[in-house]
N, C-alpha and C. Protein backbone atom coordinates (compact mmCIF):
# COMPACT_ATOMS: atom_id res chain seq x y z
N MET A 1 79.28 122.27 85.74
CA MET A 1 78.60 121.69 86.47
C MET A 1 79.07 120.13 86.65
N LYS A 2 80.19 119.25 85.77
CA LYS A 2 80.31 118.28 85.92
C LYS A 2 80.90 118.28 87.35
N GLU A 3 81.57 118.81 87.81
CA GLU A 3 82.66 119.62 88.80
C GLU A 3 81.73 119.12 90.17
N ARG A 4 81.01 119.87 90.22
CA ARG A 4 79.61 120.38 91.03
C ARG A 4 78.99 119.16 91.28
N SER A 5 78.59 117.94 90.61
CA SER A 5 77.82 116.55 90.34
C SER A 5 78.67 116.31 91.19
N ILE A 6 80.28 115.99 91.02
CA ILE A 6 81.23 115.44 91.28
C ILE A 6 81.53 115.30 92.99
N ASN A 7 81.19 116.92 93.03
CA ASN A 7 81.18 117.24 94.68
C ASN A 7 79.82 117.16 95.17
N SER A 8 79.11 116.90 94.89
CA SER A 8 77.96 116.70 95.39
C SER A 8 77.98 115.09 95.66
N ARG A 9 78.29 114.02 94.76
CA ARG A 9 78.47 112.90 94.64
C ARG A 9 79.58 112.67 96.17
N SER A 10 80.66 113.42 96.29
CA SER A 10 82.09 112.63 97.19
C SER A 10 81.09 113.51 98.87
N ALA A 11 79.94 114.30 98.78
CA ALA A 11 79.87 114.84 99.93
C ALA A 11 78.26 113.04 100.20
N ASN A 12 77.54 112.44 99.61
CA ASN A 12 76.55 111.54 99.87
C ASN A 12 77.73 110.24 99.89
N VAL A 13 79.06 110.10 99.14
CA VAL A 13 79.46 108.95 99.73
C VAL A 13 80.23 109.05 101.02
N MET A 14 80.72 110.11 101.71
CA MET A 14 81.33 110.63 102.80
C MET A 14 80.31 110.26 103.62
N GLY A 15 79.34 110.26 103.74
CA GLY A 15 78.59 110.48 104.79
C GLY A 15 77.72 108.42 104.84
N THR A 16 77.16 108.23 103.49
CA THR A 16 77.44 106.30 104.04
C THR A 16 78.63 106.07 104.13
N LEU A 17 79.56 105.88 104.32
CA LEU A 17 80.58 105.39 104.73
C LEU A 17 81.03 104.80 105.91
N GLU A 18 79.74 105.94 106.79
CA GLU A 18 80.30 105.19 108.01
C GLU A 18 80.02 104.25 107.80
N VAL A 19 79.20 103.80 108.16
CA VAL A 19 78.91 102.15 108.15
C VAL A 19 80.02 101.40 107.83
N ILE A 20 80.59 101.74 107.41
CA ILE A 20 81.56 100.23 106.57
C ILE A 20 82.75 100.07 107.85
N PRO A 21 82.82 99.49 108.06
CA PRO A 21 84.09 98.87 109.80
C PRO A 21 85.25 99.36 108.99
N SER A 22 85.53 99.64 109.46
CA SER A 22 87.51 99.79 109.28
C SER A 22 88.05 98.70 109.27
N SER A 23 88.23 97.14 109.64
CA SER A 23 88.49 96.50 109.54
C SER A 23 87.86 95.19 107.94
N LEU A 24 87.50 96.25 106.94
CA LEU A 24 87.27 95.61 106.02
C LEU A 24 87.87 97.28 105.29
N TYR A 25 89.01 97.96 105.57
CA TYR A 25 89.10 99.08 104.61
C TYR A 25 90.50 98.48 103.67
N GLY A 26 90.87 97.26 104.30
CA GLY A 26 92.13 96.66 103.35
C GLY A 26 91.79 95.90 102.33
N ASP A 27 91.43 95.20 102.20
CA ASP A 27 90.42 94.06 101.52
C ASP A 27 89.25 95.24 100.68
N LEU A 28 88.93 95.92 101.15
CA LEU A 28 88.65 96.62 100.38
C LEU A 28 88.88 97.69 98.99
N SER A 29 90.12 98.02 99.36
CA SER A 29 90.94 99.47 98.87
C SER A 29 91.67 98.48 98.16
N LYS A 30 92.30 96.72 98.16
CA LYS A 30 92.68 96.57 96.70
C LYS A 30 91.87 96.01 96.15
N LYS A 31 90.49 95.75 95.97
CA LYS A 31 89.29 95.24 95.07
C LYS A 31 89.05 96.76 94.41
N LEU A 32 88.95 97.68 94.75
CA LEU A 32 88.39 99.07 94.04
C LEU A 32 89.41 99.24 93.71
N THR A 33 89.95 99.61 94.09
CA THR A 33 91.99 99.35 92.95
C THR A 33 91.53 98.61 92.26
N GLU A 34 91.79 97.76 92.42
CA GLU A 34 91.48 96.53 91.27
C GLU A 34 90.52 96.93 89.80
N ILE A 35 89.35 97.44 90.26
CA ILE A 35 88.08 97.95 89.29
C ILE A 35 88.38 98.97 88.82
N VAL A 36 89.07 100.08 89.56
CA VAL A 36 89.69 101.17 88.91
C VAL A 36 91.03 101.18 88.35
N LEU A 37 91.42 100.43 88.19
CA LEU A 37 92.99 99.74 87.47
C LEU A 37 92.87 98.83 85.97
N ASN A 38 91.13 98.62 86.30
CA ASN A 38 91.58 97.28 85.08
C ASN A 38 90.12 97.72 84.89
N SER A 39 90.30 99.14 84.65
CA SER A 39 89.05 100.24 83.35
C SER A 39 89.71 100.01 82.50
N LYS A 40 89.32 100.06 81.16
CA LYS A 40 89.11 99.49 79.46
C LYS A 40 88.89 100.89 79.54
N ALA A 41 88.40 102.11 79.58
CA ALA A 41 88.32 103.52 79.28
C ALA A 41 89.45 104.12 79.77
N LYS A 42 89.93 104.73 78.84
CA LYS A 42 90.16 105.70 79.24
C LYS A 42 90.14 107.04 79.50
N ASN A 43 90.68 107.94 80.25
CA ASN A 43 90.45 108.47 81.05
C ASN A 43 88.72 108.87 80.92
N ALA A 44 89.06 107.89 81.90
CA ALA A 44 87.54 107.41 82.93
C ALA A 44 87.38 108.25 84.27
N ILE A 45 87.88 108.97 84.69
CA ILE A 45 87.45 109.25 86.12
C ILE A 45 88.52 110.60 85.89
N PRO A 46 87.50 111.42 86.13
CA PRO A 46 87.97 113.20 86.33
C PRO A 46 90.20 113.06 86.07
N SER A 47 90.32 113.85 86.18
CA SER A 47 91.70 114.07 86.42
C SER A 47 92.41 114.37 88.14
N GLU A 48 91.09 115.56 88.90
CA GLU A 48 91.60 115.16 90.55
C GLU A 48 91.11 114.62 91.11
N LEU A 49 89.96 113.11 90.67
CA LEU A 49 89.71 112.67 91.25
C LEU A 49 91.45 111.65 91.41
N ALA A 50 91.72 110.94 90.26
CA ALA A 50 93.38 110.16 89.89
C ALA A 50 94.22 110.96 90.61
N LYS A 51 94.19 112.51 90.31
CA LYS A 51 95.85 112.87 91.22
C LYS A 51 95.22 112.50 92.87
N LYS A 52 93.93 112.31 93.15
CA LYS A 52 93.60 112.56 94.77
C LYS A 52 93.98 111.13 95.16
N ILE A 53 93.49 109.62 94.45
CA ILE A 53 94.01 108.75 94.31
C ILE A 53 95.41 107.77 94.34
N ILE A 54 96.12 108.71 93.26
CA ILE A 54 97.68 108.75 93.23
C ILE A 54 98.22 109.09 94.18
N TYR A 55 98.21 110.23 94.71
CA TYR A 55 98.73 110.96 96.22
C TYR A 55 98.32 109.88 96.98
N LEU A 56 97.14 109.59 97.70
CA LEU A 56 96.69 108.33 98.41
C LEU A 56 97.35 107.38 98.46
N TRP A 57 97.78 106.50 97.25
CA TRP A 57 98.76 105.51 96.99
C TRP A 57 100.18 105.69 97.51
N ARG A 58 100.25 106.41 96.98
CA ARG A 58 101.87 107.28 97.59
C ARG A 58 102.51 107.33 98.88
N THR A 59 100.93 107.89 99.94
CA THR A 59 100.98 107.88 100.86
C THR A 59 100.94 107.40 102.06
N ASP A 60 100.29 105.87 101.51
CA ASP A 60 99.95 104.69 101.90
C ASP A 60 98.51 105.38 102.64
N HIS A 61 97.32 105.80 101.61
CA HIS A 61 96.53 105.89 102.97
C HIS A 61 95.05 105.15 101.77
N LEU A 62 95.19 104.33 101.05
CA LEU A 62 94.33 104.17 100.47
C LEU A 62 92.94 103.06 100.78
N ALA A 63 93.93 102.40 102.34
CA ALA A 63 93.50 102.21 102.97
C ALA A 63 92.42 101.98 104.53
N THR A 64 92.60 103.81 103.67
CA THR A 64 92.07 105.15 105.08
C THR A 64 90.28 105.54 104.57
N LYS A 65 89.66 105.99 105.46
CA LYS A 65 88.27 106.53 105.20
C LYS A 65 88.61 107.08 104.03
N THR A 66 89.63 108.03 104.16
CA THR A 66 89.01 109.44 102.54
C THR A 66 89.85 108.32 101.40
N GLY A 67 90.88 107.28 101.53
CA GLY A 67 91.16 106.27 100.52
C GLY A 67 89.68 105.55 99.65
N ILE A 68 89.31 104.70 100.93
CA ILE A 68 87.68 104.25 100.82
C ILE A 68 86.98 104.99 99.47
N GLU A 69 86.85 106.28 100.16
CA GLU A 69 85.59 107.68 99.97
C GLU A 69 86.36 108.01 98.12
N ALA A 70 87.75 108.32 98.16
CA ALA A 70 88.21 107.91 96.93
C ALA A 70 88.29 106.85 95.67
N LEU A 71 87.92 106.16 96.00
CA LEU A 71 88.65 104.87 96.24
C LEU A 71 86.93 104.27 94.64
N ILE A 72 85.80 104.57 96.05
CA ILE A 72 84.53 104.04 95.90
C ILE A 72 84.23 105.15 94.96
N GLU A 73 84.10 106.36 94.95
CA GLU A 73 83.86 106.89 93.72
C GLU A 73 84.45 106.59 92.67
N GLY A 74 85.48 106.51 92.38
CA GLY A 74 86.63 105.96 91.35
C GLY A 74 85.74 105.12 90.65
N ALA A 75 85.42 104.00 92.08
CA ALA A 75 85.00 102.75 90.67
C ALA A 75 83.84 102.45 90.54
N ILE A 76 82.81 103.65 91.24
CA ILE A 76 81.33 103.71 90.45
C ILE A 76 81.40 104.83 89.33
N THR A 77 82.45 105.02 89.03
CA THR A 77 81.95 105.88 87.73
C THR A 77 82.72 105.16 87.06
N VAL A 78 83.91 104.26 87.05
CA VAL A 78 84.08 103.50 85.83
C VAL A 78 83.44 101.92 85.56
N ASP A 79 82.64 101.61 86.76
CA ASP A 79 82.16 100.30 86.50
C ASP A 79 81.61 100.21 87.53
N ALA A 80 80.27 101.03 87.54
CA ALA A 80 78.89 100.79 89.13
C ALA A 80 78.55 99.22 89.21
N ALA A 81 78.18 98.62 88.05
CA ALA A 81 77.88 97.72 88.76
C ALA A 81 78.71 96.76 89.23
N MET A 82 79.64 96.27 88.91
CA MET A 82 80.99 95.82 89.08
C MET A 82 81.50 96.10 90.23
N THR A 83 81.14 97.26 91.19
CA THR A 83 81.72 98.14 92.09
C THR A 83 80.16 98.10 93.79
N PHE A 84 78.96 97.73 93.14
CA PHE A 84 77.83 97.22 94.13
C PHE A 84 78.09 96.09 93.57
N GLN A 85 78.04 95.30 92.90
CA GLN A 85 78.39 94.38 93.75
C GLN A 85 79.36 93.61 94.75
N LEU A 86 80.78 94.10 93.63
CA LEU A 86 82.16 93.98 95.16
C LEU A 86 81.50 94.33 96.85
N LEU A 87 81.16 95.26 97.12
CA LEU A 87 79.69 95.88 97.76
C LEU A 87 78.93 95.24 98.69
N ASP A 88 78.12 94.09 97.98
CA ASP A 88 77.35 92.96 98.03
C ASP A 88 77.72 91.89 98.39
N GLU A 89 78.93 91.27 97.59
CA GLU A 89 79.50 90.17 98.39
C GLU A 89 80.65 90.83 99.56
N LEU A 90 80.71 91.82 99.66
CA LEU A 90 81.89 91.76 100.97
C LEU A 90 80.29 91.77 102.52
N GLY A 91 79.61 91.73 101.81
CA GLY A 91 78.86 91.93 103.09
C GLY A 91 77.56 93.49 103.75
N LEU A 92 78.26 94.90 102.35
CA LEU A 92 78.06 96.03 102.49
C LEU A 92 76.91 96.33 101.89
N GLY A 93 75.75 95.63 101.28
CA GLY A 93 74.54 95.91 100.93
C GLY A 93 74.10 97.24 101.38
N GLU A 94 73.88 97.50 102.23
CA GLU A 94 73.61 98.84 102.71
C GLU A 94 73.70 99.83 102.16
N VAL A 95 75.26 99.81 102.46
CA VAL A 95 76.19 100.61 101.64
C VAL A 95 76.06 100.99 99.90
N SER A 96 76.15 99.98 99.17
CA SER A 96 76.07 99.79 98.30
C SER A 96 73.91 100.15 97.97
N ILE A 97 73.37 99.72 98.84
CA ILE A 97 71.56 101.03 97.85
C ILE A 97 71.88 102.34 98.12
N ALA A 98 72.50 102.94 99.64
CA ALA A 98 72.53 103.52 99.61
C ALA A 98 73.59 104.62 98.32
N LEU A 99 74.96 104.42 98.06
CA LEU A 99 75.07 104.91 97.19
C LEU A 99 74.67 104.78 95.63
N LYS A 100 73.81 103.54 95.35
CA LYS A 100 72.59 103.28 94.04
C LYS A 100 71.88 104.52 94.52
N GLY A 101 71.56 105.01 95.01
CA GLY A 101 70.19 105.87 94.65
C GLY A 101 70.78 107.11 94.52
N THR A 102 72.38 107.89 95.08
CA THR A 102 73.49 108.66 95.15
C THR A 102 74.21 108.82 93.72
N ASN A 103 73.78 108.19 92.91
CA ASN A 103 74.77 107.60 91.84
C ASN A 103 73.27 107.49 91.04
N SER A 104 72.13 107.84 90.74
CA SER A 104 71.26 107.23 89.57
C SER A 104 72.49 108.71 88.04
N ASP A 105 72.94 109.08 88.12
CA ASP A 105 73.36 109.38 87.36
C ASP A 105 74.22 108.54 86.26
N VAL A 106 75.34 107.85 86.70
CA VAL A 106 75.84 107.17 86.57
C VAL A 106 75.15 106.23 85.65
N LEU A 107 74.34 105.43 86.92
CA LEU A 107 73.81 103.98 86.52
C LEU A 107 72.40 104.46 85.18
N SER A 108 72.50 105.23 84.53
CA SER A 108 71.32 105.69 83.24
C SER A 108 72.79 105.55 82.43
N LYS A 109 73.73 105.50 82.59
CA LYS A 109 74.52 105.74 81.25
C LYS A 109 74.81 104.41 81.22
């Protein structure tokens, strides 16, 4: 059941990312990576997502649409409030609002 939730969240994230300008991918990927890596919770993100992020990092693809998608999903999982604050600070309030609506299960924790 958890896997289905993650897969549906991925689909919602992908659609929302269309409005993020590619010129922000570099800065956004660095800041999202910091959120994911600075998490105090061990095993906070699913292992498949962690593997995907590591693969994208090793192939230098974190600053791509696919990388941003994975990082946003991981960052929301470990610290949703900080992730949404970051998006707002970068002028991506529309993305933040859309993601809040698709991640109400994460926000209620």
